[in-house]
Protein backbone atom coordinates (compact mmCIF):
# COMPACT_ATOMS: atom_id res chain seq x y z
CA MET A 1 5.17 2.10 8.13
CA ARG A 2 3.01 -0.92 8.86
CA ASP A 3 4.46 -3.86 10.78
CA ASP A 4 4.00 -6.26 7.85
CA VAL A 5 5.99 -3.96 5.56
CA LYS A 6 8.71 -3.58 8.20
CA ASP A 7 8.91 -7.37 8.58
CA ALA A 8 9.27 -7.79 4.80
CA VAL A 9 12.10 -5.23 4.77
CA LEU A 10 13.90 -7.00 7.62
CA ASP A 11 13.51 -10.36 5.86
CA CYS A 12 14.99 -8.93 2.65
CA VAL A 13 18.07 -7.44 4.26
CA ASN A 14 18.63 -10.46 6.52
CA TYR A 15 18.52 -12.75 3.47
CA ALA A 16 20.97 -10.47 1.64
CA VAL A 17 23.40 -10.58 4.55
CA ILE A 18 23.26 -14.37 4.84
CA LYS A 19 23.01 -15.47 1.20
CA GLY A 20 23.89 -12.42 -0.89
CA THR A 21 22.00 -10.46 -3.51
CA GLN A 22 23.15 -12.00 -6.78
CA SER A 23 20.04 -14.09 -7.38
CA GLY A 24 17.65 -11.26 -6.55
CA ARG A 25 15.64 -13.62 -4.34
CA HIS A 26 16.32 -11.53 -1.25
CA ILE A 27 13.95 -8.85 -2.48
CA ALA A 28 10.98 -11.17 -3.15
CA PRO A 29 9.10 -10.70 0.17
CA LEU A 30 9.05 -6.94 -0.27
CA ALA A 31 8.13 -7.12 -3.95
CA MET A 32 5.11 -9.23 -3.04
CA LYS A 33 4.10 -6.80 -0.31
CA ILE A 34 4.32 -3.82 -2.68
CA ALA A 35 2.28 -5.72 -5.27
CA GLU A 36 -0.40 -6.39 -2.66
CA ASP A 37 -0.57 -2.70 -1.78
CA MET A 38 -0.71 -1.73 -5.46
CA GLU A 39 -3.78 -3.93 -5.74
CA GLN A 40 -5.27 -2.28 -2.65
CA VAL A 41 -4.93 1.20 -4.18
CA GLY A 42 -6.53 0.28 -7.48
CA TYR A 43 -4.21 -1.71 -9.74
CA ASN A 44 -5.66 -4.88 -11.22
CA ARG A 45 -3.94 -7.85 -9.59
CA ASN A 46 -3.86 -9.76 -12.87
CA ASP A 47 -1.94 -6.90 -14.45
CA ILE A 48 0.82 -6.76 -11.79
CA PHE A 49 3.88 -8.88 -12.54
CA LEU A 50 6.90 -9.94 -10.47
CA ASP A 51 8.42 -12.32 -12.98
CA ASP A 52 8.16 -13.76 -16.52
CA VAL A 53 8.38 -11.84 -19.78
CA ASN A 54 6.27 -8.97 -18.48
CA VAL A 55 9.00 -7.58 -16.20
CA THR A 56 11.63 -7.39 -18.94
CA LEU A 57 11.45 -4.03 -20.70
CA PRO A 58 13.32 -2.87 -23.79
CA GLY A 59 16.27 -0.55 -23.36
CA TRP A 60 17.75 2.06 -25.65
CA PHE A 61 21.44 1.83 -24.73
CA ARG A 62 21.22 -1.93 -24.06
CA PRO A 63 18.80 -4.56 -25.35
CA SER A 64 16.70 -4.99 -22.23
CA LYS A 65 16.39 -4.59 -18.47
CA LYS A 66 14.54 -6.81 -15.99
CA TRP A 67 12.55 -4.77 -13.47
CA ASP A 68 11.31 -6.14 -10.15
CA ILE A 69 7.65 -5.13 -10.53
CA THR A 70 5.66 -4.00 -13.54
CA ALA A 71 1.99 -3.10 -13.89
CA PHE A 72 -0.21 -2.67 -16.93
CA GLU A 73 -3.57 -1.09 -17.71
CA ASP A 74 -5.41 -2.29 -20.83
CA GLY A 75 -2.19 -3.79 -22.11
CA VAL A 76 -0.18 -0.59 -21.63
CA LEU A 77 2.70 -0.31 -19.15
CA VAL A 78 1.77 2.11 -16.35
CA ALA A 79 4.39 1.35 -13.68
CA ALA A 80 7.80 -0.27 -13.29
CA ILE A 81 9.68 -0.52 -10.00
CA GLU A 82 13.31 -1.25 -9.19
CA LEU A 83 14.19 -2.64 -5.74
CA LYS A 84 17.77 -2.47 -4.47
CA SER A 85 19.58 -3.07 -1.20
CA ILE A 86 23.08 -2.48 0.15
CA SER A 87 24.30 -4.12 3.33
CA SER A 88 28.13 -4.07 3.19
CA SER A 89 31.20 -2.75 1.35
CA PHE A 90 29.66 0.70 1.22
CA GLY A 91 32.84 2.35 -0.03
CA ASN A 92 32.92 0.09 -3.09
CA ASN A 93 29.19 -0.13 -3.75
CA ALA A 94 27.76 3.34 -3.05
CA ASN A 95 28.68 4.81 -6.43
CA ASN A 96 27.56 1.61 -8.13
CA ARG A 97 24.07 1.99 -6.67
CA ALA A 98 23.87 5.61 -7.86
CA GLU A 99 25.05 4.68 -11.34
CA GLU A 100 22.58 1.79 -11.56
CA ALA A 101 19.68 4.01 -10.53
CA LEU A 102 20.54 6.71 -13.04
CA GLY A 103 21.38 4.27 -15.82
CA SER A 104 18.17 2.26 -15.54
CA ALA A 105 16.02 5.39 -15.48
CA SER A 106 17.81 7.01 -18.41
CA ASP A 107 17.73 3.82 -20.47
CA VAL A 108 14.00 3.21 -20.08
CA ASP A 109 13.24 6.91 -20.55
CA TYR A 110 14.96 6.89 -23.93
CA ALA A 111 13.25 3.61 -24.81
CA THR A 112 9.90 5.22 -23.98
CA HIS A 113 10.56 8.33 -26.07
CA ASN A 114 11.79 6.22 -28.97
CA HIS A 115 8.52 4.27 -29.03
CA LEU A 116 9.83 0.89 -27.85
CA LEU A 117 6.95 0.63 -25.36
CA GLU A 118 3.23 0.67 -26.12
CA PRO A 119 1.90 3.98 -27.49
CA ASN A 120 0.53 6.09 -24.65
CA ASP A 121 -0.09 9.80 -24.15
CA LEU A 122 1.33 9.55 -20.61
CA PRO A 123 4.68 7.87 -19.84
CA PRO A 124 4.79 5.08 -17.25
CA ASN A 125 5.42 5.78 -13.58
CA PHE A 126 8.90 4.58 -12.57
CA GLY A 127 9.64 3.77 -8.94
CA TYR A 128 12.88 3.18 -7.04
CA VAL A 129 13.32 1.48 -3.65
CA LEU A 130 16.61 1.35 -1.74
CA LEU A 131 17.17 -0.53 1.51
CA VAL A 132 20.35 0.47 3.35
CA ARG A 133 21.66 -1.58 6.24
CA LYS A 134 22.51 0.48 9.33
CA THR A 135 26.04 -0.36 10.47
CA PRO A 136 28.97 1.58 11.92
CA GLU A 137 30.40 1.82 8.40
CA SER A 138 27.21 3.20 6.86
CA THR A 139 26.47 5.76 9.61
CA ARG A 140 29.84 7.35 10.38
CA PRO A 141 31.00 10.47 8.46
CA SER A 142 33.03 9.56 5.41
CA LYS A 143 35.52 11.65 3.48
CA ILE A 144 35.21 11.95 -0.29
CA GLY A 145 38.21 9.89 -1.33
CA ALA A 146 38.52 11.09 -4.90
CA LYS A 147 40.65 14.12 -5.77
CA SER A 148 39.63 16.61 -8.44
CA ARG A 149 40.49 20.03 -9.78
CA TYR A 150 36.83 20.89 -9.12
CA ALA A 151 35.00 21.51 -5.87
CA PHE A 152 32.51 18.84 -4.84
CA ASP A 153 28.93 19.54 -3.79
CA LYS A 154 29.21 20.66 -0.17
CA GLU A 155 26.18 18.60 0.80
CA PHE A 156 28.31 15.47 0.48
CA GLU A 157 31.13 16.74 2.70
CA ASP A 158 31.63 14.59 5.82
CA SER A 159 28.35 12.81 5.12
CA SER A 160 27.75 9.20 6.05
CA TYR A 161 26.74 6.65 3.42
CA VAL A 162 23.21 6.67 4.84
CA GLU A 163 23.12 10.44 4.30
CA ARG A 164 24.51 10.10 0.78
CA PHE A 165 21.84 7.57 -0.14
CA THR A 166 19.23 9.92 1.28
CA ILE A 167 20.60 12.74 -0.88
CA LEU A 168 20.51 10.41 -3.88
CA GLY A 169 16.87 9.49 -3.28
CA LYS A 170 15.78 13.09 -2.73
CA ARG A 171 17.44 14.23 -5.95
CA LEU A 172 16.09 11.32 -7.97
CA LEU A 173 12.62 12.36 -6.82
CA ARG A 174 13.13 16.13 -7.13
CA GLU A 175 14.54 15.89 -10.65
CA ARG A 176 11.77 13.47 -11.65
CA VAL A 177 14.28 10.79 -12.61
CA TYR A 178 11.85 8.51 -10.78
CA GLN A 179 8.30 9.49 -9.92
CA ALA A 180 8.18 7.45 -6.70
CA VAL A 181 11.16 6.87 -4.36
CA TRP A 182 11.40 5.08 -1.03
CA VAL A 183 14.60 4.90 1.02
CA ALA A 184 14.69 2.83 4.21
CA VAL A 185 17.53 2.34 6.70
CA VAL A 186 17.53 -1.11 8.28
CA ASP A 187 18.92 -1.90 11.73
CA LEU A 188 18.93 -5.70 11.74
CA GLU A 189 20.37 -6.08 15.20
CA ASN A 190 17.51 -4.14 16.82
CA GLY A 191 14.76 -5.00 14.32
CA VAL A 192 14.19 -1.35 13.42
CA VAL A 193 13.44 0.19 10.03
CA GLU A 194 13.87 3.97 9.72
CA GLU A 195 12.77 6.31 6.94
CA PRO A 196 15.34 9.14 6.89
CA ASP A 197 13.30 11.64 4.88
CA PRO A 198 9.57 12.44 5.17
CA LEU A 199 9.24 12.75 1.39
CA MET A 200 10.48 9.21 0.83
CA THR A 201 8.37 7.08 3.14
CA TYR A 202 6.61 3.88 2.16
CA ASP A 203 3.22 5.55 2.52
CA LYS A 204 4.22 8.34 0.13
CA PHE A 205 5.72 5.80 -2.27
CA VAL A 206 2.41 3.94 -2.50
CA ALA A 207 0.51 7.25 -2.70
CA HIS A 208 2.57 8.21 -5.77
CA LEU A 209 1.70 4.89 -7.40
CA LYS A 210 -1.98 5.36 -6.55
CA GLY A 211 -2.01 8.89 -7.90
CA TRP A 212 -0.62 7.77 -11.22
CA ILE A 213 -3.16 5.02 -11.81
CA ASP A 214 -5.91 7.49 -10.86
CA VAL A 215 -4.57 9.95 -13.45
CA MET A 216 -4.38 7.24 -16.11
CA ARG A 217 -8.03 6.36 -15.54
CA ALA A 218 -9.42 9.88 -15.21
């Protein structure tokens, strides 16, 4: 990961810790950095959007959803990216992040297949970014609190929240729920950003986005 990307990640999480995430402003430095790199790999800068009507896409189970980054090619949506972070209250928020990721992807997928987006032989490329703050709470093993008559997936047993988010990202990518996924673990105190899985690095995230625009233009 380049230093400028790392700095943008640290700025995002630091802002979230100090001022919260409700406004969505904490994610702006990283969104701008990703947009710059999208332009570098071939997207037209004038067709990349971080705000206005172009980032609000129709839903199928709800009226609409505002994405953090969208990109178009000849007026057709080719990419939409969701950026999320979690820096505290992991026990309360971990499932919420998983549900949000799955819900947004499912909603826009159904909207695509029900022709609410521009006609296109290839569906858009959907990307998901998750920044997880590294703290004692997020890195220590955590029991699955819920009780059930069924056995839980053993991969989650005694896993930390960082490990659970890594599992989430890997499965979102493997099952093609999203076509590009980047998970980063952020140690604010030491100024370190880690990428816990080699399949979900920033470089691979951008490579997925590049590959899709290349396919669209081939």
